[in-house]
Every structure is written in structure tokens, then in C-alpha cells.
Protein backbone atom coordinates (compact mmCIF):
# COMPACT_ATOMS: atom_id res chain seq x y z
CA MET A 1 91.51 101.34 99.37
CA LEU A 2 94.99 100.17 100.34
CA ASP A 3 94.12 100.09 104.04
CA TYR A 4 91.01 98.06 103.24
CA VAL A 5 93.11 95.54 101.27
CA LYS A 6 95.56 95.22 104.16
CA THR A 7 92.67 94.55 106.54
CA ILE A 8 91.25 91.84 104.28
CA LEU A 9 94.63 90.18 103.80
CA SER A 10 95.22 90.19 107.55
CA LYS A 11 91.87 88.51 108.14
CA VAL A 12 92.39 85.77 105.53
CA SER A 13 96.08 85.12 106.18
CA PHE A 14 95.24 81.84 107.96
CA ASP A 15 94.21 80.27 104.61
CA PRO A 16 96.90 80.29 101.90
CA SER A 17 94.50 79.81 98.96
CA LEU A 18 92.17 82.56 100.17
CA PHE A 19 95.14 84.83 100.87
CA GLU A 20 96.39 84.35 97.31
CA LYS A 21 92.93 84.94 95.83
CA GLU A 22 92.48 88.20 97.74
CA LEU A 23 96.01 89.34 96.97
CA ARG A 24 95.47 88.81 93.24
CA LYS A 25 92.20 90.76 93.40
CA ALA A 26 93.95 93.57 95.24
CA ILE A 27 96.79 93.77 92.73
CA GLY A 28 94.24 94.02 89.93
CA SER A 29 92.37 96.88 91.55
CA LEU A 30 95.14 99.09 92.97
CA LEU A 31 97.23 101.80 91.34
CA ASN A 32 100.92 101.14 90.63
CA ASN A 33 102.22 103.13 93.59
CA GLU A 34 99.73 101.36 95.89
CA ILE A 35 100.87 97.98 94.55
CA HIS A 36 104.48 98.84 95.43
CA GLU A 37 103.45 99.81 98.94
CA LEU A 38 101.34 96.65 99.26
CA LYS A 39 104.25 94.53 98.07
CA ALA A 40 106.57 95.97 100.72
CA TRP A 41 103.90 95.52 103.41
CA CYS A 42 103.19 91.92 102.38
CA TYR A 43 106.84 90.91 102.37
CA ARG A 44 107.36 92.62 105.72
CA ASN A 45 104.39 90.87 107.33
CA TYR A 46 103.94 87.57 105.50
CA SER A 47 107.24 86.49 103.96
CA LYS A 48 107.72 83.79 106.60
CA THR A 49 104.34 82.16 106.01
CA HIS A 50 103.42 83.02 102.40
CA GLN A 51 106.73 83.56 100.57
CA PRO A 52 105.85 81.36 97.53
CA ILE A 53 102.48 83.08 97.13
CA LEU A 54 104.05 86.53 97.34
CA ASN A 55 106.70 85.57 94.80
CA ARG A 56 104.02 84.28 92.38
CA CYS A 57 101.70 87.26 92.76
CA PHE A 58 104.34 89.97 92.55
CA ALA A 59 106.44 88.34 89.78
CA VAL A 60 105.04 90.65 87.11
């Protein structure tokens, strides 16, 4: 499931609102350890373009 989420996020990364929507859906459907791995992956790959979105979504 995590690999699928990464694929989706990669494909929608051009649109900030769609990226945030998909990220929120992913966080709601993944297990805690998968969320931690997703968080690290997102910050590694998208912190330059989507930092505010990442901070909002992972600020739980």
C-alpha cells in the first residue's frame, strides 16, 4: 500500500491542492509505521515544493 501511495503522490505532485488531498487520504489509511516512512519520504522528495502542506498534514 505504501508503494502505491508514493506512486500516486508522485503523479499528483504538480498540483498542490491535489497533492494535499491525496496525502491526507494516505495518512488516514496507512499504519503508524507506514506513516512514519511516508513522512520521511515526503520530506526527502517534496520539502522544497510542498513544505507548508507537509507541515500541515504531518502536524498531528
